[in-house]
C-alpha atoms as a PDB file:
ATOM      1  CA  MET A   1       1.157   1.843  -7.600  1.00  0.00           C
ATOM      2  CA  LEU A   2      -0.424   4.125 -10.035  1.00  0.00           C
ATOM      3  CA  ARG A   3       1.461   6.607 -12.081  1.00  0.00           C
ATOM      4  CA  ALA A   4      -0.625   9.809 -13.843  1.00  0.00           C
ATOM      5  CA  LEU A   5      -0.450   9.278 -17.548  1.00  0.00           C
ATOM      6  CA  LEU A   6      -0.395  12.489 -19.505  1.00  0.00           C
ATOM      7  CA  THR A   7      -1.461  12.293 -23.074  1.00  0.00           C
ATOM      8  CA  TRP A   8      -1.094  15.078 -24.934  1.00  0.00           C
ATOM      9  CA  GLY A   9      -4.152  16.840 -27.576  1.00  0.00           C
ATOM     10  CA  ARG A  10      -4.227  19.759 -30.287  1.00  0.00           C
ATOM     11  CA  ASP A  11      -5.581  21.522 -27.416  1.00  0.00           C
ATOM     12  CA  ARG A  12      -6.092  19.395 -24.495  1.00  0.00           C
ATOM     13  CA  VAL A  13      -4.231  17.382 -22.503  1.00  0.00           C
ATOM     14  CA  ASN A  14      -5.217  14.293 -20.963  1.00  0.00           C
ATOM     15  CA  PHE A  15      -4.855  13.246 -16.936  1.00  0.00           C
ATOM     16  CA  ARG A  16      -5.913   9.808 -15.597  1.00  0.00           C
ATOM     17  CA  LEU A  17      -4.724   8.122 -13.601  1.00  0.00           C
ATOM     18  CA  MET A  18      -2.286   4.188 -14.979  1.00  0.00           C
ATOM     19  CA  ASP A  19      -1.453   1.573 -12.818  1.00  0.00           C
ATOM     20  CA  MET A  20       2.714   1.090 -13.437  1.00  0.00           C
ATOM     21  CA  ASP A  21       1.490  -2.787 -13.412  1.00  0.00           C
ATOM     22  CA  ASP A  22      -0.423  -2.647 -16.732  1.00  0.00           C
ATOM     23  CA  PHE A  23       2.199  -0.880 -18.422  1.00  0.00           C
ATOM     24  CA  LEU A  24       4.852  -2.331 -17.157  1.00  0.00           C
ATOM     25  CA  ARG A  25       2.499  -6.307 -17.255  1.00  0.00           C
ATOM     26  CA  SER A  26       3.727  -7.543 -20.892  1.00  0.00           C
ATOM     27  CA  ARG A  27       7.027  -8.947 -20.288  1.00  0.00           C
ATOM     28  CA  PRO A  28       7.384  -9.960 -16.613  1.00  0.00           C
ATOM     29  CA  ASP A  29      11.639 -10.550 -17.328  1.00  0.00           C
ATOM     30  CA  ASP A  30      11.480  -7.020 -18.447  1.00  0.00           C
ATOM     31  CA  PRO A  31      14.764  -5.431 -17.195  1.00  0.00           C
ATOM     32  CA  LEU A  32      12.632  -1.838 -16.986  1.00  0.00           C
ATOM     33  CA  ALA A  33      10.087  -4.025 -15.517  1.00  0.00           C
ATOM     34  CA  LEU A  34      12.537  -5.696 -12.776  1.00  0.00           C
ATOM     35  CA  LEU A  35      14.270  -1.907 -12.480  1.00  0.00           C
ATOM     36  CA  CYS A  36      10.457   0.446 -11.894  1.00  0.00           C
ATOM     37  CA  ARG A  37       9.646  -2.991  -9.198  1.00  0.00           C
ATOM     38  CA  GLN A  38      13.319  -2.319  -6.810  1.00  0.00           C
ATOM     39  CA  ASP A  39      12.618  -1.922  -3.375  1.00  0.00           C
ATOM     40  CA  LEU A  40      14.641   1.062  -3.037  1.00  0.00           C
ATOM     41  CA  ASP A  41      14.254   0.976   0.664  1.00  0.00           C
ATOM     42  CA  PRO A  42      17.561   0.157   1.662  1.00  0.00           C
ATOM     43  CA  LEU A  43      20.206   1.898  -0.461  1.00  0.00           C
ATOM     44  CA  SER A  44      21.919   4.803   1.212  1.00  0.00           C
ATOM     45  CA  VAL A  45      21.647   8.758  -0.151  1.00  0.00           C
ATOM     46  CA  ASP A  46      25.037   8.010  -1.986  1.00  0.00           C
ATOM     47  CA  GLU A  47      23.401   4.350  -3.569  1.00  0.00           C
ATOM     48  CA  LEU A  48      20.371   6.611  -4.419  1.00  0.00           C
ATOM     49  CA  GLU A  49      22.952   9.129  -6.240  1.00  0.00           C
ATOM     50  CA  ALA A  50      24.469   6.890  -8.089  1.00  0.00           C
ATOM     51  CA  ARG A  51      21.549   4.986  -8.918  1.00  0.00           C
ATOM     52  CA  MET A  52      19.534   8.523 -10.786  1.00  0.00           C
ATOM     53  CA  ALA A  53      23.053   9.160 -12.110  1.00  0.00           C
ATOM     54  CA  ILE A  54      23.101   6.399 -14.334  1.00  0.00           C
ATOM     55  CA  LEU A  55      19.431   6.825 -14.584  1.00  0.00           C
ATOM     56  CA  ALA A  56      19.981  10.201 -16.072  1.00  0.00           C
ATOM     57  CA  ALA A  57      22.867   8.579 -18.406  1.00  0.00           C
ATOM     58  CA  GLU A  58      20.428   6.114 -19.732  1.00  0.00           C
ATOM     59  CA  ILE A  59      18.097   8.521 -20.536  1.00  0.00           C
ATOM     60  CA  GLU A  60      20.493  10.930 -22.597  1.00  0.00           C
ATOM     61  CA  ARG A  61      21.525   8.237 -24.428  1.00  0.00           C
ATOM     62  CA  SER A  62      17.420   6.680 -24.844  1.00  0.00           C
ATOM     63  CA  ARG A  63      16.732  10.321 -26.349  1.00  0.00           C
ATOM     64  CA  ALA A  64      19.839  10.519 -28.539  1.00  0.00           C
ATOM     65  CA  ARG A  65      18.947   6.803 -30.165  1.00  0.00           C
ATOM     66  CA  LEU A  66      15.364   8.608 -30.624  1.00  0.00           C
ATOM     67  CA  ASN A  67      16.890  11.677 -32.074  1.00  0.00           C
ATOM     68  CA  ARG A  68      18.524   9.811 -35.009  1.00  0.00           C
ATOM     69  CA  ALA A  69      15.648   7.292 -35.187  1.00  0.00           C
ATOM     70  CA  LYS A  70      13.179  10.192 -35.976  1.00  0.00           C
ATOM     71  CA  ASP A  71      15.771  11.806 -37.978  1.00  0.00           C
ATOM     72  CA  HIS A  72      16.275   8.393 -39.920  1.00  0.00           C
ATOM     73  CA  ARG A  73      12.870   8.199 -40.421  1.00  0.00           C
ATOM     74  CA  SER A  74      12.164  12.611 -41.519  1.00  0.00           C
ATOM     75  CA  SER A  75      14.554  11.536 -44.097  1.00  0.00           C
ATOM     76  CA  ALA A  76      13.111   8.215 -45.263  1.00  0.00           C
ATOM     77  CA  ASP A  77       9.875  10.381 -45.373  1.00  0.00           C
ATOM     78  CA  ALA A  78      10.944  13.332 -47.306  1.00  0.00           C
ATOM     79  CA  LEU A  79      13.002  10.513 -50.006  1.00  0.00           C
ATOM     80  CA  PHE A  80       9.581   9.102 -50.954  1.00  0.00           C
ATOM     81  CA  ARG A  81       7.820  11.750 -49.951  1.00  0.00           C
ATOM     82  CA  LYS A  82       5.249  12.432 -53.643  1.00  0.00           C
ATOM     83  CA  THR A  83       5.750  16.626 -54.709  1.00  0.00           C
END
């Protein structure tokens, strides 16, 4: 399966195709790798909607954790910044 990978630079966006197997190869037993490889064809509409709601909640949880980590990093940088 090919997915697009976007990277942003100062003045441009690089676009290249990325094989998801290359991205997920490092840990084959990783829950995220297993989730991405799960066959969705047997799932009903209700099951797909429930799955998407759960994934959306997990994205929000991950985003909140990322923001806390960035805030912590900013605080540490400010504490040790030379003036």
